[in-house]
């Protein structure tokens, strides 16, 4: 299955995310061994992007949901907590299996 973003085919999950967001992941996640000066510059750039694009957090959420749906759809299989708690209470009475 091909992942196409903005008319380009993404070769990897990382490239898909970068194409969808329009920024490299390293901008947001940092890189191992970066200096304090590099970190400060990276965070300044990130703040500027967020200030110029107030809808960016919504786009990030959408990209994350699309990536999960494409690569790990089972994460969207949600069960209600109350239903599980009720079943557990029926199975166990006072910490001892019934």
Protein backbone atom coordinates (compact mmCIF):
# COMPACT_ATOMS: atom_id res chain seq x y z
CA UNK A 1 0.00 0.00 0.00
CA UNK A 2 1.38 3.41 -0.97
CA UNK A 3 1.21 6.39 1.34
CA UNK A 4 0.72 9.52 -0.75
CA UNK A 5 0.96 12.93 0.87
CA UNK A 6 0.74 16.20 -1.05
CA UNK A 7 1.22 14.31 -4.31
CA UNK A 8 4.42 12.58 -3.15
CA UNK A 9 4.88 8.93 -2.27
CA UNK A 10 6.30 8.48 1.22
CA UNK A 11 8.99 5.80 1.40
CA UNK A 12 8.69 5.33 5.16
CA UNK A 13 6.48 6.15 8.11
CA UNK A 14 8.86 8.93 9.11
CA UNK A 15 8.75 10.45 5.63
CA UNK A 16 4.94 10.20 5.65
CA UNK A 17 4.79 12.17 8.90
CA UNK A 18 7.32 14.76 7.72
CA UNK A 19 5.46 15.28 4.43
CA UNK A 20 2.13 15.57 6.22
CA UNK A 21 3.43 18.03 8.81
CA UNK A 22 5.72 19.97 6.53
CA UNK A 23 8.54 19.86 9.08
CA UNK A 24 11.19 17.31 10.00
CA UNK A 25 10.50 15.23 13.11
CA UNK A 26 13.85 16.26 14.58
CA UNK A 27 12.49 19.79 14.97
CA UNK A 28 9.94 18.54 17.50
CA UNK A 29 11.77 15.56 19.01
CA UNK A 30 15.34 16.81 19.00
CA UNK A 31 18.40 14.74 18.25
CA UNK A 32 20.64 12.77 20.53
CA UNK A 33 23.70 14.72 21.62
CA UNK A 34 22.44 18.17 20.63
CA UNK A 35 24.07 21.04 22.50
CA UNK A 36 22.16 23.48 24.68
CA UNK A 37 22.58 26.11 21.95
CA UNK A 38 21.21 23.75 19.28
CA UNK A 39 18.31 22.81 21.55
CA UNK A 40 17.48 26.47 22.22
CA UNK A 41 17.57 27.28 18.48
CA UNK A 42 15.37 24.24 17.70
CA UNK A 43 12.82 25.21 20.34
CA UNK A 44 12.78 28.83 19.09
CA UNK A 45 12.07 27.61 15.57
CA UNK A 46 9.31 25.33 16.86
CA UNK A 47 7.72 28.20 18.79
CA UNK A 48 7.81 30.37 15.65
CA UNK A 49 6.10 27.65 13.63
CA UNK A 50 3.40 27.24 16.28
CA UNK A 51 2.86 31.01 16.46
CA UNK A 52 2.52 31.24 12.66
CA UNK A 53 0.27 28.16 12.42
CA UNK A 54 -2.27 28.08 15.26
CA UNK A 55 -4.00 25.06 13.66
CA UNK A 56 -0.78 23.02 13.73
CA UNK A 57 -1.67 20.98 16.87
CA UNK A 58 -4.90 19.90 15.14
CA UNK A 59 -2.93 18.87 12.04
CA UNK A 60 -0.52 16.90 14.21
CA UNK A 61 -3.42 15.07 15.85
CA UNK A 62 -4.90 14.27 12.44
CA UNK A 63 -1.55 12.97 11.11
CA UNK A 64 -1.06 10.85 14.23
CA UNK A 65 -4.54 9.35 13.86
CA UNK A 66 -3.90 8.60 10.18
CA UNK A 67 -0.55 6.97 10.97
CA UNK A 68 -2.11 4.83 13.69
CA UNK A 69 -4.99 3.86 11.44
CA UNK A 70 -2.58 2.87 8.64
CA UNK A 71 0.03 1.07 10.71
CA UNK A 72 -1.61 -0.05 13.96
CA UNK A 73 -5.41 0.02 13.55
CA UNK A 74 -5.88 -2.23 16.58
CA UNK A 75 -5.04 0.79 18.75
CA UNK A 76 -8.43 2.24 17.79
CA UNK A 77 -10.23 -0.83 19.15
CA UNK A 78 -11.48 0.63 22.41
CA UNK A 79 -13.56 -1.09 25.06
CA UNK A 80 -15.45 0.76 27.71
CA UNK A 81 -13.69 0.74 31.05
CA UNK A 82 -16.94 0.32 32.97
CA UNK A 83 -17.78 -2.86 31.04
CA UNK A 84 -14.38 -4.36 31.85
CA UNK A 85 -14.63 -3.36 35.52
CA UNK A 86 -18.03 -5.03 35.85
CA UNK A 87 -16.71 -8.24 34.30
CA UNK A 88 -13.67 -8.19 36.61
CA UNK A 89 -15.86 -7.66 39.67
CA UNK A 90 -17.95 -10.69 38.74
CA UNK A 91 -14.81 -12.81 38.33
CA UNK A 92 -13.08 -11.75 41.53
CA UNK A 93 -14.69 -11.28 44.91
CA UNK A 94 -12.56 -9.63 47.57
CA UNK A 95 -9.25 -10.33 45.78
CA UNK A 96 -9.94 -14.06 45.54
CA UNK A 97 -11.02 -15.74 42.34
CA UNK A 98 -14.68 -16.78 42.48
